[in-house]
Amino acid sequence: MTESASGGASRDPADRGRTTIADGVVEKIAGLAAREVVGVHAMGSGTGLSRTFGAVRDRVPGGAKSSASRGVKAEVGEVQTALDLEIVVDYGVSIRDVARAVRENVISAVERMTGLEVVEVNIAVSDVKLPDEPDEEPESRLQ
């Protein structure tokens, strides 16, 4: 006995069911892709104190966001997504060039891994990391 195409048995298994992708998944992919770009010093707020509190929050169970998605906000629909990124750039780099490279890398990674169309990537540069500024607090001092 053979079932018709609408009966189910001969339908492609890949078409049976729905796949949904959480905002947090897209945020992690975008955050990691943005960090790969030369000239991006950090993601999220530019103040050292804010980054320090963020690092502590990441270690607390139930903390707001993982470090991979810090500085990224995604709105995910069924077939499209839009992203807002907040970055800190290294002093001396061309902010325009870094933003363009971040946008290209994020769009490529998100579309390749999720199949979603990225309709926009908005980038806010919140700070510039100066060469003589100390980096974030070492982890050993935060524990």
Protein backbone atom coordinates (compact mmCIF):
# COMPACT_ATOMS: atom_id res chain seq x y z
CA MET A 1 0.00 0.00 0.00
CA THR A 2 1.47 3.34 -1.05
CA GLU A 3 0.38 6.61 0.47
CA SER A 4 -0.11 9.74 -1.58
CA ALA A 5 2.25 12.68 -1.37
CA SER A 6 -0.15 14.38 1.02
CA GLY A 7 -0.52 11.24 3.12
CA GLY A 8 2.82 11.59 4.85
CA ALA A 9 4.81 8.42 4.13
CA SER A 10 6.35 9.70 0.90
CA ARG A 11 6.94 13.25 2.20
CA ASP A 12 10.52 14.36 2.70
CA PRO A 13 11.41 13.82 6.39
CA ALA A 14 13.17 17.21 6.44
CA ASP A 15 9.80 18.91 5.84
CA ARG A 16 8.11 17.30 8.84
CA GLY A 17 8.19 19.69 11.75
CA ARG A 18 9.54 23.12 12.57
CA THR A 19 12.91 24.37 13.68
CA THR A 20 13.06 27.45 15.87
CA ILE A 21 16.21 29.30 16.83
CA ALA A 22 16.34 31.21 20.12
CA ASP A 23 17.52 34.80 20.24
CA GLY A 24 20.38 33.71 22.52
CA VAL A 25 21.73 31.30 19.92
CA VAL A 26 21.95 34.06 17.30
CA GLU A 27 23.45 36.41 19.90
CA LYS A 28 26.25 33.96 20.72
CA ILE A 29 27.07 33.34 17.06
CA ALA A 30 27.14 37.09 16.35
CA GLY A 31 29.20 37.85 19.45
CA LEU A 32 31.85 35.29 18.60
CA ALA A 33 31.97 36.43 14.96
CA ALA A 34 32.37 40.08 16.00
CA ARG A 35 35.23 39.24 18.39
CA GLU A 36 37.14 37.59 15.51
CA VAL A 37 37.57 40.96 13.79
CA VAL A 38 40.91 42.72 14.29
CA GLY A 39 40.35 46.04 16.03
CA VAL A 40 37.47 44.87 18.24
CA HIS A 41 38.83 45.09 21.77
CA ALA A 42 35.67 44.03 23.63
CA MET A 43 31.92 43.70 23.36
CA GLY A 44 29.46 45.62 25.48
CA SER A 45 29.89 48.74 27.56
CA GLY A 46 33.19 50.51 27.31
CA THR A 47 33.75 51.28 30.97
CA GLY A 48 36.09 48.95 32.79
CA LEU A 49 33.78 48.89 35.80
CA SER A 50 30.81 47.80 33.68
CA ARG A 51 32.88 45.07 32.03
CA THR A 52 34.07 43.91 35.46
CA PHE A 53 30.51 43.69 36.78
CA GLY A 54 29.55 41.87 33.58
CA ALA A 55 32.33 39.33 34.13
CA VAL A 56 31.14 38.74 37.71
CA ARG A 57 27.50 38.46 36.56
CA ASP A 58 28.52 35.86 33.96
CA ARG A 59 29.87 33.61 36.72
CA VAL A 60 26.72 33.81 38.85
CA PRO A 61 24.23 30.99 38.13
CA GLY A 62 21.32 32.52 36.27
CA GLY A 63 23.40 35.59 35.36
CA ALA A 64 21.96 37.68 32.55
CA LYS A 65 24.09 36.83 29.50
CA SER A 66 27.03 34.64 28.73
CA SER A 67 30.25 36.42 27.83
CA ALA A 68 29.86 35.16 24.25
CA SER A 69 26.68 37.16 23.78
CA ARG A 70 27.57 40.24 25.85
CA GLY A 71 27.04 43.38 23.81
CA VAL A 72 24.66 41.69 21.35
CA LYS A 73 20.89 41.88 21.07
CA ALA A 74 19.04 39.83 18.45
CA GLU A 75 15.45 39.86 17.32
CA VAL A 76 14.74 36.56 15.61
CA GLY A 77 11.72 35.90 13.42
CA GLU A 78 10.80 32.80 11.45
CA VAL A 79 13.10 33.53 8.51
CA GLN A 80 14.91 36.78 9.37
CA THR A 81 16.90 38.34 12.18
CA ALA A 82 18.13 41.81 13.10
CA LEU A 83 21.08 42.47 15.38
CA ASP A 84 22.35 45.32 17.55
CA LEU A 85 26.00 45.16 18.65
CA GLU A 86 27.89 47.33 21.10
CA ILE A 87 31.66 47.23 20.68
CA VAL A 88 34.84 48.74 22.09
CA VAL A 89 37.53 49.34 19.47
CA ASP A 90 41.29 49.55 19.81
CA TYR A 91 42.79 53.04 19.51
CA GLY A 92 44.21 53.79 16.08
CA VAL A 93 41.95 51.56 13.99
CA SER A 94 39.56 52.89 11.39
CA ILE A 95 36.17 52.60 13.11
CA ARG A 96 34.44 52.59 9.73
CA ASP A 97 36.60 49.68 8.51
CA VAL A 98 36.17 47.72 11.76
CA ALA A 99 32.39 48.22 11.68
CA ARG A 100 32.25 47.06 8.05
CA ALA A 101 34.34 43.96 8.84
CA VAL A 102 32.22 43.16 11.92
CA ARG A 103 29.04 43.51 9.88
CA GLU A 104 30.37 41.22 7.13
CA ASN A 105 31.67 38.57 9.55
CA VAL A 106 28.50 38.56 11.66
CA ILE A 107 26.18 38.32 8.65
CA SER A 108 28.24 35.51 7.13
CA ALA A 109 28.38 33.46 10.35
CA VAL A 110 24.73 33.92 11.32
CA GLU A 111 23.36 33.19 7.86
CA ARG A 112 25.64 30.17 7.36
CA MET A 113 24.88 28.60 10.74
CA THR A 114 21.18 29.41 11.07
CA GLY A 115 19.82 29.82 7.56
CA LEU A 116 18.15 33.04 8.71
CA GLU A 117 18.42 36.17 6.57
CA VAL A 118 20.17 38.94 8.48
CA VAL A 119 18.27 42.09 7.56
CA GLU A 120 20.43 44.53 9.53
CA VAL A 121 23.40 44.73 11.86
CA ASN A 122 23.49 47.98 13.83
CA ILE A 123 26.81 48.73 15.52
CA ALA A 124 27.31 51.15 18.40
CA VAL A 125 30.92 51.96 19.26
CA SER A 126 30.77 52.71 22.98
CA ASP A 127 34.47 53.26 23.72
CA VAL A 128 38.04 53.26 22.44
CA LYS A 129 40.66 51.19 24.28
CA LEU A 130 43.75 53.38 24.66
CA PRO A 131 47.18 51.71 24.57
CA ASP A 132 48.08 52.83 28.11
CA GLU A 133 44.75 51.84 29.69
CA PRO A 134 44.91 48.71 31.82
CA ASP A 135 42.87 45.75 30.64
CA GLU A 136 39.94 44.43 32.65
CA GLU A 137 40.55 43.19 36.17
CA PRO A 138 42.27 39.80 36.23
CA GLU A 139 39.84 36.98 36.99
CA SER A 140 41.74 35.92 40.11
CA ARG A 141 40.97 39.26 41.78
CA LEU A 142 37.23 38.98 41.04
CA GLN A 143 36.65 35.66 42.75
